[in-house]
C-alpha atoms as a PDB file:
ATOM      1  CA  MET A   1     131.192 117.228  83.921  1.00  0.00           C
ATOM      2  CA  HIS A   2     129.009 115.717  86.638  1.00  0.00           C
ATOM      3  CA  VAL A   3     127.271 112.359  85.992  1.00  0.00           C
ATOM      4  CA  LEU A   4     124.731 111.102  88.534  1.00  0.00           C
ATOM      5  CA  ILE A   5     124.224 107.324  88.436  1.00  0.00           C
ATOM      6  CA  LEU A   6     121.085 106.010  90.104  1.00  0.00           C
ATOM      7  CA  GLY A   7     122.592 102.665  90.963  1.00  0.00           C
ATOM      8  CA  GLY A   8     122.593  99.629  93.173  1.00  0.00           C
ATOM      9  CA  THR A   9     123.067  97.121  90.337  1.00  0.00           C
ATOM     10  CA  THR A  10     126.056  95.277  88.909  1.00  0.00           C
ATOM     11  CA  GLU A  11     125.765  97.351  85.741  1.00  0.00           C
ATOM     12  CA  ALA A  12     125.774 100.593  87.738  1.00  0.00           C
ATOM     13  CA  ARG A  13     128.979  99.579  89.520  1.00  0.00           C
ATOM     14  CA  ARG A  14     130.587  98.668  86.202  1.00  0.00           C
ATOM     15  CA  LEU A  15     129.586 102.050  84.774  1.00  0.00           C
ATOM     16  CA  ALA A  16     131.075 103.864  87.779  1.00  0.00           C
ATOM     17  CA  GLU A  17     134.294 101.907  87.276  1.00  0.00           C
ATOM     18  CA  LEU A  18     134.446 102.937  83.620  1.00  0.00           C
ATOM     19  CA  LEU A  19     133.816 106.618  84.373  1.00  0.00           C
ATOM     20  CA  HIS A  20     135.939 106.919  87.516  1.00  0.00           C
ATOM     21  CA  GLY A  21     139.236 108.653  86.917  1.00  0.00           C
ATOM     22  CA  VAL A  22     138.350 110.000  83.479  1.00  0.00           C
ATOM     23  CA  PRO A  23     139.775 113.536  83.242  1.00  0.00           C
ATOM     24  CA  GLY A  24     137.071 116.187  83.303  1.00  0.00           C
ATOM     25  CA  LEU A  25     134.387 113.780  84.504  1.00  0.00           C
ATOM     26  CA  ARG A  26     132.941 113.322  88.015  1.00  0.00           C
ATOM     27  CA  PRO A  27     130.596 110.367  88.534  1.00  0.00           C
ATOM     28  CA  THR A  28     128.409 110.194  91.636  1.00  0.00           C
ATOM     29  CA  SER A  29     126.591 106.941  92.469  1.00  0.00           C
ATOM     30  CA  SER A  30     123.320 107.129  94.378  1.00  0.00           C
ATOM     31  CA  LEU A  31     122.165 104.062  96.338  1.00  0.00           C
ATOM     32  CA  ALA A  32     118.688 103.678  97.781  1.00  0.00           C
ATOM     33  CA  GLY A  33     119.990 102.281 101.064  1.00  0.00           C
ATOM     34  CA  ARG A  34     117.723  99.223 101.132  1.00  0.00           C
ATOM     35  CA  VAL A  35     120.640  96.792 101.523  1.00  0.00           C
ATOM     36  CA  ALA A  36     122.493  96.869 104.835  1.00  0.00           C
ATOM     37  CA  SER A  37     125.994  96.331 103.392  1.00  0.00           C
ATOM     38  CA  PRO A  38     125.976  97.293  99.708  1.00  0.00           C
ATOM     39  CA  ARG A  39     128.945  96.819  97.417  1.00  0.00           C
ATOM     40  CA  LEU A  40     130.132 100.375  96.969  1.00  0.00           C
ATOM     41  CA  PRO A  41     131.259 101.557  93.540  1.00  0.00           C
ATOM     42  CA  PRO A  42     134.349 103.748  93.069  1.00  0.00           C
ATOM     43  CA  GLY A  43     134.011 107.520  93.175  1.00  0.00           C
ATOM     44  CA  GLU A  44     131.545 109.639  95.121  1.00  0.00           C
ATOM     45  CA  VAL A  45     128.613 107.777  96.701  1.00  0.00           C
ATOM     46  CA  ARG A  46     125.415 109.049  98.300  1.00  0.00           C
ATOM     47  CA  VAL A  47     122.891 106.838 100.115  1.00  0.00           C
ATOM     48  CA  GLY A  48     119.178 107.448 100.601  1.00  0.00           C
ATOM     49  CA  GLY A  49     116.211 108.889  98.753  1.00  0.00           C
ATOM     50  CA  PHE A  50     115.827 112.341  97.250  1.00  0.00           C
ATOM     51  CA  GLY A  51     112.328 113.168  98.455  1.00  0.00           C
ATOM     52  CA  GLY A  52     110.367 112.459  95.302  1.00  0.00           C
ATOM     53  CA  VAL A  53     110.455 114.154  91.925  1.00  0.00           C
ATOM     54  CA  GLU A  54     110.957 117.692  93.223  1.00  0.00           C
ATOM     55  CA  GLY A  55     113.701 116.580  95.584  1.00  0.00           C
ATOM     56  CA  LEU A  56     115.598 114.843  92.808  1.00  0.00           C
ATOM     57  CA  ALA A  57     115.164 117.789  90.434  1.00  0.00           C
ATOM     58  CA  ALA A  58     116.476 120.135  93.127  1.00  0.00           C
ATOM     59  CA  TRP A  59     119.473 117.870  93.724  1.00  0.00           C
ATOM     60  CA  LEU A  60     120.264 117.835  89.991  1.00  0.00           C
ATOM     61  CA  ARG A  61     120.249 121.635  89.915  1.00  0.00           C
ATOM     62  CA  GLU A  62     122.116 122.206  93.177  1.00  0.00           C
ATOM     63  CA  HIS A  63     124.912 119.793  92.261  1.00  0.00           C
ATOM     64  CA  ALA A  64     125.159 120.898  88.624  1.00  0.00           C
ATOM     65  CA  VAL A  65     124.497 117.457  87.179  1.00  0.00           C
ATOM     66  CA  ASP A  66     125.151 117.294  83.432  1.00  0.00           C
ATOM     67  CA  VAL A  67     123.875 113.746  82.779  1.00  0.00           C
ATOM     68  CA  LEU A  68     121.523 111.479  84.729  1.00  0.00           C
ATOM     69  CA  VAL A  69     121.838 107.699  84.320  1.00  0.00           C
ATOM     70  CA  ASP A  70     119.014 105.493  85.573  1.00  0.00           C
ATOM     71  CA  ALA A  71     120.876 102.243  86.273  1.00  0.00           C
ATOM     72  CA  THR A  72     118.481 101.016  88.957  1.00  0.00           C
ATOM     73  CA  HIS A  73     117.084  97.515  89.237  1.00  0.00           C
ATOM     74  CA  PRO A  74     114.584  96.637  86.471  1.00  0.00           C
ATOM     75  CA  PHE A  75     111.863  96.412  89.135  1.00  0.00           C
ATOM     76  CA  ALA A  76     112.613  99.752  90.790  1.00  0.00           C
ATOM     77  CA  GLY A  77     109.776 101.272  88.793  1.00  0.00           C
ATOM     78  CA  THR A  78     108.959 104.279  90.964  1.00  0.00           C
ATOM     79  CA  ILE A  79     112.423 105.824  90.897  1.00  0.00           C
ATOM     80  CA  SER A  80     112.577 105.408  87.109  1.00  0.00           C
ATOM     81  CA  PHE A  81     109.443 107.509  86.632  1.00  0.00           C
ATOM     82  CA  HIS A  82     110.687 110.027  89.191  1.00  0.00           C
ATOM     83  CA  ALA A  83     113.973 110.237  87.299  1.00  0.00           C
ATOM     84  CA  ALA A  84     112.233 110.887  83.989  1.00  0.00           C
ATOM     85  CA  ARG A  85     110.099 113.690  85.428  1.00  0.00           C
ATOM     86  CA  ALA A  86     112.966 115.224  87.426  1.00  0.00           C
ATOM     87  CA  ALA A  87     115.349 115.160  84.463  1.00  0.00           C
ATOM     88  CA  ALA A  88     112.757 116.862  82.284  1.00  0.00           C
ATOM     89  CA  GLY A  89     112.104 119.497  84.943  1.00  0.00           C
ATOM     90  CA  ALA A  90     115.789 120.198  85.513  1.00  0.00           C
ATOM     91  CA  ARG A  91     116.602 119.976  81.793  1.00  0.00           C
ATOM     92  CA  VAL A  92     119.201 117.254  82.349  1.00  0.00           C
ATOM     93  CA  PRO A  93     119.772 114.549  79.708  1.00  0.00           C
ATOM     94  CA  LEU A  94     118.649 111.094  80.874  1.00  0.00           C
ATOM     95  CA  ILE A  95     119.570 107.607  79.723  1.00  0.00           C
ATOM     96  CA  ALA A  96     118.420 104.274  81.222  1.00  0.00           C
ATOM     97  CA  LEU A  97     120.728 101.293  81.624  1.00  0.00           C
ATOM     98  CA  ARG A  98     118.738  98.043  81.730  1.00  0.00           C
ATOM     99  CA  ARG A  99     120.123  94.539  81.529  1.00  0.00           C
ATOM    100  CA  PRO A 100     118.130  92.404  79.045  1.00  0.00           C
ATOM    101  CA  GLY A 101     115.412  90.207  80.462  1.00  0.00           C
ATOM    102  CA  TRP A 102     115.613  86.426  80.489  1.00  0.00           C
ATOM    103  CA  VAL A 103     114.289  84.443  77.539  1.00  0.00           C
ATOM    104  CA  PRO A 104     112.931  80.875  77.889  1.00  0.00           C
ATOM    105  CA  VAL A 105     114.659  78.078  75.982  1.00  0.00           C
ATOM    106  CA  ALA A 106     113.610  74.582  74.972  1.00  0.00           C
ATOM    107  CA  GLY A 107     112.653  72.553  78.023  1.00  0.00           C
ATOM    108  CA  ASP A 108     111.629  75.499  80.192  1.00  0.00           C
ATOM    109  CA  ASP A 109     108.208  75.399  81.873  1.00  0.00           C
ATOM    110  CA  TRP A 110     107.606  79.099  82.431  1.00  0.00           C
ATOM    111  CA  HIS A 111     104.426  80.823  83.559  1.00  0.00           C
ATOM    112  CA  GLU A 112     104.131  84.619  83.483  1.00  0.00           C
ATOM    113  CA  ALA A 113     102.539  87.008  85.942  1.00  0.00           C
ATOM    114  CA  GLY A 114     102.108  90.745  85.672  1.00  0.00           C
ATOM    115  CA  SER A 115     102.659  91.396  89.383  1.00  0.00           C
ATOM    116  CA  LEU A 116     103.524  89.705  92.671  1.00  0.00           C
ATOM    117  CA  GLU A 117      99.831  89.623  93.515  1.00  0.00           C
ATOM    118  CA  GLN A 118      99.007  87.811  90.290  1.00  0.00           C
ATOM    119  CA  ALA A 119     101.896  85.426  90.925  1.00  0.00           C
ATOM    120  CA  ALA A 120     100.417  84.593  94.333  1.00  0.00           C
ATOM    121  CA  GLU A 121      97.074  83.793  92.690  1.00  0.00           C
ATOM    122  CA  LEU A 122      98.678  81.417  90.190  1.00  0.00           C
ATOM    123  CA  LEU A 123     101.132  79.778  92.571  1.00  0.00           C
ATOM    124  CA  PRO A 124      98.891  77.143  94.270  1.00  0.00           C
ATOM    125  CA  SER A 125      98.144  75.578  90.871  1.00  0.00           C
ATOM    126  CA  LEU A 126     101.855  75.087  90.149  1.00  0.00           C
ATOM    127  CA  GLY A 127     103.368  73.609  93.316  1.00  0.00           C
ATOM    128  CA  ARG A 128     103.462  73.305  97.099  1.00  0.00           C
ATOM    129  CA  ARG A 129     107.136  73.804  97.977  1.00  0.00           C
ATOM    130  CA  VAL A 130     108.190  77.186  96.673  1.00  0.00           C
ATOM    131  CA  PHE A 131     111.616  78.681  96.078  1.00  0.00           C
ATOM    132  CA  LEU A 132     110.778  82.390  96.307  1.00  0.00           C
ATOM    133  CA  THR A 133     113.466  84.743  94.962  1.00  0.00           C
ATOM    134  CA  THR A 134     111.518  87.974  94.480  1.00  0.00           C
ATOM    135  CA  GLY A 135     113.269  89.950  97.234  1.00  0.00           C
ATOM    136  CA  ARG A 136     112.533  90.659 100.875  1.00  0.00           C
ATOM    137  CA  THR A 137     110.041  93.507 100.465  1.00  0.00           C
ATOM    138  CA  GLY A 138     107.308  91.764  98.461  1.00  0.00           C
ATOM    139  CA  LEU A 139     106.435  88.856 100.731  1.00  0.00           C
ATOM    140  CA  ALA A 140     103.105  90.361 101.768  1.00  0.00           C
ATOM    141  CA  ALA A 141     101.624  89.201  98.458  1.00  0.00           C
ATOM    142  CA  PHE A 142     102.238  85.575  99.500  1.00  0.00           C
ATOM    143  CA  ALA A 143     101.408  85.878 103.208  1.00  0.00           C
ATOM    144  CA  SER A 144      97.918  84.382 102.848  1.00  0.00           C
ATOM    145  CA  LEU A 145      99.146  81.157 101.220  1.00  0.00           C
ATOM    146  CA  GLY A 146      99.233  79.138 104.436  1.00  0.00           C
ATOM    147  CA  ASP A 147      99.090  75.746 102.705  1.00  0.00           C
ATOM    148  CA  LEU A 148     102.354  76.326 100.831  1.00  0.00           C
ATOM    149  CA  TRP A 149     105.915  76.083 102.151  1.00  0.00           C
ATOM    150  CA  PHE A 150     108.416  78.762 101.103  1.00  0.00           C
ATOM    151  CA  LEU A 151     112.178  78.914 100.891  1.00  0.00           C
ATOM    152  CA  VAL A 152     112.849  82.646 100.726  1.00  0.00           C
ATOM    153  CA  ARG A 153     116.263  83.816  99.567  1.00  0.00           C
ATOM    154  CA  SER A 154     117.291  87.442 100.007  1.00  0.00           C
ATOM    155  CA  VAL A 155     120.344  89.536 100.839  1.00  0.00           C
ATOM    156  CA  ASP A 156     118.835  90.903 104.067  1.00  0.00           C
ATOM    157  CA  ALA A 157     116.184  89.519 106.408  1.00  0.00           C
ATOM    158  CA  PRO A 158     112.631  89.695 104.970  1.00  0.00           C
ATOM    159  CA  GLU A 159     110.040  92.140 106.211  1.00  0.00           C
ATOM    160  CA  ALA A 160     106.639  91.223 107.654  1.00  0.00           C
ATOM    161  CA  PRO A 161     103.992  90.312 106.718  1.00  0.00           C
ATOM    162  CA  ALA A 162     105.326  87.058 105.290  1.00  0.00           C
ATOM    163  CA  PRO A 163     104.170  83.468 104.734  1.00  0.00           C
ATOM    164  CA  ALA A 164     103.701  81.488 107.944  1.00  0.00           C
ATOM    165  CA  ARG A 165     105.507  78.392 106.649  1.00  0.00           C
ATOM    166  CA  MET A 166     108.795  79.890 105.586  1.00  0.00           C
ATOM    167  CA  GLN A 167     112.529  79.222 105.799  1.00  0.00           C
ATOM    168  CA  VAL A 168     114.850  82.138 105.113  1.00  0.00           C
ATOM    169  CA  LEU A 169     118.151  81.790 103.281  1.00  0.00           C
ATOM    170  CA  LEU A 170     120.314  84.915 103.484  1.00  0.00           C
ATOM    171  CA  ASP A 171     122.667  84.917 100.527  1.00  0.00           C
ATOM    172  CA  ARG A 172     123.943  87.151  97.762  1.00  0.00           C
ATOM    173  CA  GLY A 173     124.723  86.206  94.161  1.00  0.00           C
ATOM    174  CA  PRO A 174     126.327  85.283  91.917  1.00  0.00           C
ATOM    175  CA  PHE A 175     125.103  81.720  92.387  1.00  0.00           C
ATOM    176  CA  THR A 176     126.478  78.552  90.804  1.00  0.00           C
ATOM    177  CA  LEU A 177     124.530  75.990  88.825  1.00  0.00           C
ATOM    178  CA  GLN A 178     125.680  73.155  91.073  1.00  0.00           C
ATOM    179  CA  GLY A 179     124.636  75.108  94.147  1.00  0.00           C
ATOM    180  CA  GLU A 180     121.174  75.750  92.715  1.00  0.00           C
ATOM    181  CA  ARG A 181     120.773  72.094  91.752  1.00  0.00           C
ATOM    182  CA  GLU A 182     121.586  71.010  95.296  1.00  0.00           C
ATOM    183  CA  LEU A 183     119.263  73.633  96.780  1.00  0.00           C
ATOM    184  CA  LEU A 184     116.261  72.474  94.725  1.00  0.00           C
ATOM    185  CA  LEU A 185     116.957  68.848  95.592  1.00  0.00           C
ATOM    186  CA  ARG A 186     117.640  69.383  99.308  1.00  0.00           C
ATOM    187  CA  HIS A 187     114.462  71.384  99.876  1.00  0.00           C
ATOM    188  CA  ARG A 188     112.298  69.315  97.490  1.00  0.00           C
ATOM    189  CA  ILE A 189     111.325  72.441  95.563  1.00  0.00           C
ATOM    190  CA  ASP A 190     108.533  71.919  93.043  1.00  0.00           C
ATOM    191  CA  VAL A 191     108.082  75.525  91.829  1.00  0.00           C
ATOM    192  CA  VAL A 192     110.353  78.557  91.526  1.00  0.00           C
ATOM    193  CA  VAL A 193     109.106  82.157  91.663  1.00  0.00           C
ATOM    194  CA  THR A 194     111.321  84.917  90.318  1.00  0.00           C
ATOM    195  CA  LYS A 195     111.201  88.405  88.920  1.00  0.00           C
ATOM    196  CA  ASP A 196     112.535  88.840  85.387  1.00  0.00           C
ATOM    197  CA  SER A 197     115.633  90.599  86.681  1.00  0.00           C
ATOM    198  CA  GLY A 198     117.885  89.416  83.864  1.00  0.00           C
ATOM    199  CA  GLY A 199     121.652  89.062  84.123  1.00  0.00           C
ATOM    200  CA  SER A 200     123.861  86.074  84.836  1.00  0.00           C
ATOM    201  CA  ALA A 201     124.295  86.350  88.618  1.00  0.00           C
ATOM    202  CA  THR A 202     120.977  84.689  89.472  1.00  0.00           C
ATOM    203  CA  ALA A 203     120.223  82.891  86.191  1.00  0.00           C
ATOM    204  CA  PRO A 204     121.556  79.433  87.248  1.00  0.00           C
ATOM    205  CA  LYS A 205     118.304  78.771  89.143  1.00  0.00           C
ATOM    206  CA  LEU A 206     116.501  78.813  85.786  1.00  0.00           C
ATOM    207  CA  THR A 207     118.819  76.162  84.367  1.00  0.00           C
ATOM    208  CA  ALA A 208     118.526  74.064  87.507  1.00  0.00           C
ATOM    209  CA  ALA A 209     114.729  74.279  87.333  1.00  0.00           C
ATOM    210  CA  ARG A 210     114.732  73.277  83.673  1.00  0.00           C
ATOM    211  CA  GLU A 211     116.951  70.259  84.380  1.00  0.00           C
ATOM    212  CA  ALA A 212     114.715  69.169  87.271  1.00  0.00           C
ATOM    213  CA  GLY A 213     111.463  69.708  85.366  1.00  0.00           C
ATOM    214  CA  VAL A 214     110.371  72.328  87.896  1.00  0.00           C
ATOM    215  CA  PRO A 215     108.000  75.078  86.679  1.00  0.00           C
ATOM    216  CA  VAL A 216     109.106  78.698  87.005  1.00  0.00           C
ATOM    217  CA  LEU A 217     106.671  81.530  87.690  1.00  0.00           C
ATOM    218  CA  VAL A 218     108.192  84.680  86.177  1.00  0.00           C
ATOM    219  CA  VAL A 219     106.984  88.155  87.171  1.00  0.00           C
ATOM    220  CA  ARG A 220     107.269  90.490  84.192  1.00  0.00           C
ATOM    221  CA  ARG A 221     109.262  93.681  84.693  1.00  0.00           C
ATOM    222  CA  PRO A 222     107.572  97.110  84.604  1.00  0.00           C
ATOM    223  CA  ARG A 223     107.960  99.299  81.565  1.00  0.00           C
ATOM    224  CA  VAL A 224     110.482 102.097  81.231  1.00  0.00           C
ATOM    225  CA  PRO A 225     108.961 105.612  81.051  1.00  0.00           C
ATOM    226  CA  ASP A 226     108.020 106.686  77.537  1.00  0.00           C
ATOM    227  CA  GLY A 227     110.611 108.702  75.663  1.00  0.00           C
ATOM    228  CA  VAL A 228     113.612 107.515  77.697  1.00  0.00           C
ATOM    229  CA  ARG A 229     116.498 106.046  75.737  1.00  0.00           C
ATOM    230  CA  VAL A 230     117.360 102.536  76.964  1.00  0.00           C
ATOM    231  CA  VAL A 231     120.657 100.690  76.476  1.00  0.00           C
ATOM    232  CA  ALA A 232     121.721  97.259  77.696  1.00  0.00           C
ATOM    233  CA  GLU A 233     125.434  97.627  78.470  1.00  0.00           C
ATOM    234  CA  PRO A 234     127.488 100.083  80.566  1.00  0.00           C
ATOM    235  CA  GLU A 235     129.815 100.587  77.612  1.00  0.00           C
ATOM    236  CA  GLU A 236     126.901 101.950  75.594  1.00  0.00           C
ATOM    237  CA  VAL A 237     126.309 104.564  78.279  1.00  0.00           C
ATOM    238  CA  VAL A 238     130.008 105.474  78.207  1.00  0.00           C
ATOM    239  CA  ASP A 239     129.850 105.999  74.454  1.00  0.00           C
ATOM    240  CA  TRP A 240     126.631 108.026  74.728  1.00  0.00           C
ATOM    241  CA  ILE A 241     128.064 110.268  77.459  1.00  0.00           C
ATOM    242  CA  GLY A 242     131.271 110.813  75.536  1.00  0.00           C
ATOM    243  CA  LYS A 243     129.378 111.940  72.439  1.00  0.00           C
ATOM    244  CA  ARG A 244     126.845 113.950  74.436  1.00  0.00           C
ATOM    245  CA  LEU A 245     129.466 115.898  76.362  1.00  0.00           C
ATOM    246  CA  HIS A 246     131.919 116.094  73.449  1.00  0.00           C
ATOM    247  CA  LEU A 247     134.809 114.707  75.481  1.00  0.00           C
ATOM    248  CA  PRO A 248     137.767 114.513  73.069  1.00  0.00           C
ATOM    249  CA  THR A 249     139.845 112.150  75.206  1.00  0.00           C
ATOM    250  CA  PHE A 250     137.138 109.766  76.310  1.00  0.00           C
ATOM    251  CA  PRO A 251     138.627 106.255  76.669  1.00  0.00           C
ATOM    252  CA  ASP A 252     137.562 103.181  74.787  1.00  0.00           C
ATOM    253  CA  ALA A 253     135.144 101.136  76.907  1.00  0.00           C
ATOM    254  CA  ASP A 254     136.743  97.704  76.536  1.00  0.00           C
END
């Protein structure tokens, strides 16, 4: 049984680990190729796009995929809609694996935006020294904010256009609370901008901001395509696949 995992996330790697080596099951992980040195999951791996909906549907048919798992980043909205249409066209069952979003707690000063562009409009009213953690590909939305200073953290070097007053910090999570505290203090950060990615790897910045009384501008995640089943944990996907494919010896996901 062939399972295609649209991955690139911690949860996708965990799912590949759970499925790898299971008798009668062949997981293939697909990575977009946007990170120069990704952490490769076990099992078969392919890198690069499919060529849109028709390309993905053709790949599903040609490689006899039995189950498609959309375990992409919560903000990889385009591929999720492509996956839903391709799975329907190829008649392949689809399930989405999405880590839960973050939830504010007492003491948080959160402000929501529906997009990076809306975040850029709100930002000047919240602070002047910005810790921007929205990824390297969305900096164009903030490029016109010449009066603000940005500390941009990303795995790979950012792409132009970008803010003129900017310092780049190349780093990869997970991050520690103490490290985030020191970063906010050292750079005199007075506002944090983040996507609602969820998960624990990058959550310490939220705690550090709360402790320092720094506002956080949170970009809401896009919706999942209608009709797609969504689960929060890799183990739930394992259970769903086992029942869907009627695998009698499927292991416990513990």
